[in-house]
Amino acid sequence: MNNLIAKLEALLFLHGEPISIKKATQILKIKEEELNQAVQQLDQLLTQDNRGLCLLNNSGSLQLITKPELSALVKQLVKQDLQNDLTPAALESVSIIAYSGPISREKLEYIRGVNCTFILRSLLVRGLINKQDDQYQVSFDLLKHLGLSDVNQLPEYKKYQTIKQKLNTNETLS
C-alpha cells in the first residue's frame, strides 16, 4: 500500500491540476476502493503539521495543493513571478500556444519535451493565456499588448497553419 500512496502522490504532483478519480484509477491500474484507501492514507500523511501540501478531494477529482496557512508564501512567489521577465521556456510555450492553440497541456508538453505545468500557471497568472475545457489559447490581453486583433495577424501565421495542416494530413495517411 505504501508504494501505491507514493505512486498516487507522484501522479498528483506531476499532473498539477485536478485529476478525476476515474482517470487516476485507470492510470494506476487499480480499483476505486483501493484508490479511496490510498487517498485516505495520503490525506492523513499530509495533514501532519510539518507538511506544506494538502489533498483536495472535490466532486470526484483530486489535487495536491499548498496548505492554506502558507498562502503568504504562495502570494510572494506569484508576485515575484509577475515582476520577472518571461523565461525563454515561457516565451517558447506562449509562442506554441499562439500558433497551435487551442492546445492541451499534454500536446504542449509533447512538443516541448518537458513538463509545462508551472510555465502554464505563470502564463495564466500573468493573463497571457486562457484555459477552457483543458485547452490553452492566447488571451485577448496578450493580443492587445501585441497590437493585434486576431491571432491570424501573427507573423507568418498563415504559412505556419499551411505547414501544420500538411503535417496533420501526412500523419493521418501513415
Protein backbone atom coordinates (compact mmCIF):
# COMPACT_ATOMS: atom_id res chain seq x y z
CA MET A 1 0.00 0.00 0.00
CA ASN A 2 2.90 2.39 0.71
CA ASN A 3 4.02 2.01 -2.89
CA LEU A 4 0.50 2.90 -4.05
CA ILE A 5 0.48 6.01 -1.84
CA ALA A 6 3.83 7.08 -3.33
CA LYS A 7 2.52 6.47 -6.85
CA LEU A 8 -0.65 8.47 -6.11
CA GLU A 9 1.36 11.34 -4.66
CA ALA A 10 3.70 11.36 -7.67
CA LEU A 11 0.74 11.26 -10.07
CA LEU A 12 -0.98 14.19 -8.37
CA PHE A 13 2.25 16.18 -8.23
CA LEU A 14 3.12 15.59 -11.89
CA HIS A 15 -0.40 16.22 -13.14
CA GLY A 16 -0.51 19.57 -11.34
CA GLU A 17 -4.23 20.01 -12.00
CA PRO A 18 -7.32 18.25 -10.67
CA ILE A 19 -7.48 14.67 -11.90
CA SER A 20 -10.66 12.63 -11.87
CA ILE A 21 -10.81 9.58 -9.66
CA LYS A 22 -11.74 7.54 -12.73
CA LYS A 23 -8.63 8.69 -14.61
CA ALA A 24 -6.41 8.08 -11.57
CA THR A 25 -7.70 4.50 -11.21
CA GLN A 26 -7.05 3.88 -14.91
CA ILE A 27 -3.51 5.25 -14.77
CA LEU A 28 -2.66 3.41 -11.55
CA LYS A 29 -4.47 0.27 -12.77
CA ILE A 30 -6.36 -0.20 -9.52
CA LYS A 31 -9.95 -0.38 -8.35
CA GLU A 32 -11.71 2.68 -6.98
CA GLU A 33 -11.85 1.10 -3.49
CA GLU A 34 -8.05 0.78 -3.47
CA LEU A 35 -7.69 4.37 -4.60
CA ASN A 36 -10.06 5.60 -1.89
CA GLN A 37 -7.94 3.82 0.75
CA ALA A 38 -4.75 5.34 -0.67
CA VAL A 39 -6.39 8.78 -0.77
CA GLN A 40 -7.35 8.50 2.90
CA GLN A 41 -3.83 7.44 3.90
CA LEU A 42 -2.17 10.15 1.80
CA ASP A 43 -4.54 12.71 3.29
CA GLN A 44 -3.57 11.57 6.81
CA LEU A 45 0.14 11.87 5.97
CA LEU A 46 -0.33 15.35 4.53
CA THR A 47 -2.38 16.68 7.45
CA GLN A 48 0.64 16.43 9.72
CA ASP A 49 1.86 19.83 10.93
CA ASN A 50 5.23 19.65 9.20
CA ARG A 51 3.86 19.23 5.66
CA GLY A 52 3.34 22.02 3.13
CA LEU A 53 0.75 20.29 0.98
CA CYS A 54 -2.76 19.02 1.44
CA LEU A 55 -5.06 16.88 -0.64
CA LEU A 56 -8.14 18.44 -2.19
CA ASN A 57 -10.88 15.92 -2.90
CA ASN A 58 -13.76 17.69 -4.61
CA SER A 59 -16.55 16.48 -6.90
CA GLY A 60 -14.80 13.27 -7.88
CA SER A 61 -11.44 14.91 -8.56
CA LEU A 62 -8.18 15.02 -6.62
CA GLN A 63 -5.44 17.64 -6.49
CA LEU A 64 -2.39 18.39 -4.39
CA ILE A 65 -2.45 22.00 -3.19
CA THR A 66 -0.45 24.09 -0.77
CA LYS A 67 -1.86 24.38 2.72
CA PRO A 68 -3.99 27.50 3.19
CA GLU A 69 -1.78 28.72 6.04
CA LEU A 70 1.08 29.04 3.53
CA SER A 71 -0.86 31.42 1.29
CA ALA A 72 1.52 34.32 2.07
CA LEU A 73 4.41 32.29 0.65
CA VAL A 74 2.40 31.45 -2.47
CA LYS A 75 1.44 35.12 -2.94
CA GLN A 76 5.11 36.11 -2.63
CA LEU A 77 6.08 33.57 -5.30
CA VAL A 78 3.33 34.74 -7.67
CA LYS A 79 4.26 38.38 -7.09
CA GLN A 80 7.90 37.61 -7.83
CA ASP A 81 6.92 35.64 -10.95
CA LEU A 82 4.97 38.64 -12.22
CA GLN A 83 7.88 41.01 -11.62
CA ASN A 84 10.37 38.91 -13.56
CA ASP A 85 10.61 38.84 -17.33
CA LEU A 86 9.31 35.80 -19.15
CA THR A 87 11.84 32.98 -19.36
CA PRO A 88 12.86 31.58 -22.73
CA ALA A 89 10.81 28.48 -21.89
CA ALA A 90 7.73 30.62 -21.19
CA LEU A 91 8.24 32.56 -24.42
CA GLU A 92 8.54 29.31 -26.35
CA SER A 93 5.39 27.96 -24.70
CA VAL A 94 3.30 31.07 -25.38
CA SER A 95 4.52 31.03 -29.00
CA ILE A 96 3.45 27.41 -29.43
CA ILE A 97 0.09 28.22 -27.86
CA ALA A 98 -0.34 31.24 -30.13
CA TYR A 99 0.40 29.34 -33.33
CA SER A 100 -1.12 25.96 -32.37
CA GLY A 101 -3.88 26.90 -29.95
CA PRO A 102 -6.18 25.92 -28.66
CA ILE A 103 -3.84 23.21 -27.41
CA SER A 104 -3.88 20.77 -24.50
CA ARG A 105 -1.19 20.73 -21.84
CA GLU A 106 -0.28 17.20 -22.90
CA LYS A 107 0.27 18.21 -26.54
CA LEU A 108 2.30 21.26 -25.49
CA GLU A 109 4.46 19.02 -23.30
CA TYR A 110 4.85 16.57 -26.18
CA ILE A 111 6.01 19.36 -28.49
CA ARG A 112 8.39 20.88 -25.92
CA GLY A 113 9.50 17.56 -24.44
CA VAL A 114 9.17 18.78 -20.83
CA ASN A 115 6.56 19.25 -18.11
CA CYS A 116 4.86 22.63 -18.63
CA THR A 117 2.63 22.81 -15.55
CA PHE A 118 4.49 25.66 -13.86
CA ILE A 119 5.01 27.63 -17.07
CA LEU A 120 1.30 27.38 -17.85
CA ARG A 121 0.48 28.54 -14.31
CA SER A 122 2.76 31.53 -14.75
CA LEU A 123 1.26 32.42 -18.13
CA LEU A 124 -2.27 32.08 -16.71
CA VAL A 125 -1.44 34.26 -13.69
CA ARG A 126 0.04 36.90 -15.98
CA GLY A 127 -3.13 36.84 -18.09
CA LEU A 128 -1.24 35.93 -21.26
CA ILE A 129 -3.24 32.75 -21.89
CA ASN A 130 -6.68 31.39 -21.06
CA LYS A 131 -7.78 27.85 -20.28
CA GLN A 132 -11.11 26.43 -21.36
CA ASP A 133 -12.05 22.74 -21.39
CA ASP A 134 -8.42 21.64 -20.82
CA GLN A 135 -7.30 23.69 -23.84
CA TYR A 136 -5.00 26.70 -23.71
CA GLN A 137 -5.09 29.68 -26.05
CA VAL A 138 -3.67 33.17 -26.04
CA SER A 139 -5.69 35.80 -24.19
CA PHE A 140 -7.23 38.99 -25.53
CA ASP A 141 -4.84 40.89 -23.24
CA LEU A 142 -1.83 39.33 -24.97
CA LEU A 143 -3.24 40.16 -28.39
CA LYS A 144 -3.91 43.75 -27.25
CA HIS A 145 -0.38 44.00 -25.85
CA LEU A 146 1.00 42.82 -29.20
CA GLY A 147 -1.23 45.29 -31.05
CA LEU A 148 -3.20 42.53 -32.77
CA SER A 149 -6.92 41.99 -33.03
CA ASP A 150 -6.66 38.33 -34.02
CA VAL A 151 -4.07 35.51 -33.92
CA ASN A 152 -4.27 35.45 -37.72
CA GLN A 153 -2.24 38.68 -37.64
CA LEU A 154 0.78 36.98 -36.05
CA PRO A 155 3.88 37.00 -38.27
CA GLU A 156 3.73 34.19 -40.85
CA TYR A 157 0.67 32.70 -39.16
CA LYS A 158 -0.92 31.53 -42.44
CA LYS A 159 2.35 29.93 -43.57
CA TYR A 160 2.62 28.06 -40.27
CA GLN A 161 -1.00 26.89 -40.49
CA THR A 162 -0.37 25.54 -44.01
CA ILE A 163 2.68 23.60 -42.81
CA LYS A 164 0.77 22.33 -39.77
CA GLN A 165 -2.13 21.19 -41.97
CA LYS A 166 0.25 19.30 -44.30
CA LEU A 167 1.88 17.59 -41.32
CA ASN A 168 -1.51 16.60 -39.89
CA THR A 169 -2.56 15.24 -43.29
CA ASN A 170 0.65 13.20 -43.56
CA GLU A 171 0.13 11.80 -40.03
CA THR A 172 -3.37 10.56 -40.89
CA LEU A 173 -2.14 8.96 -44.13
CA SER A 174 0.56 6.93 -42.37
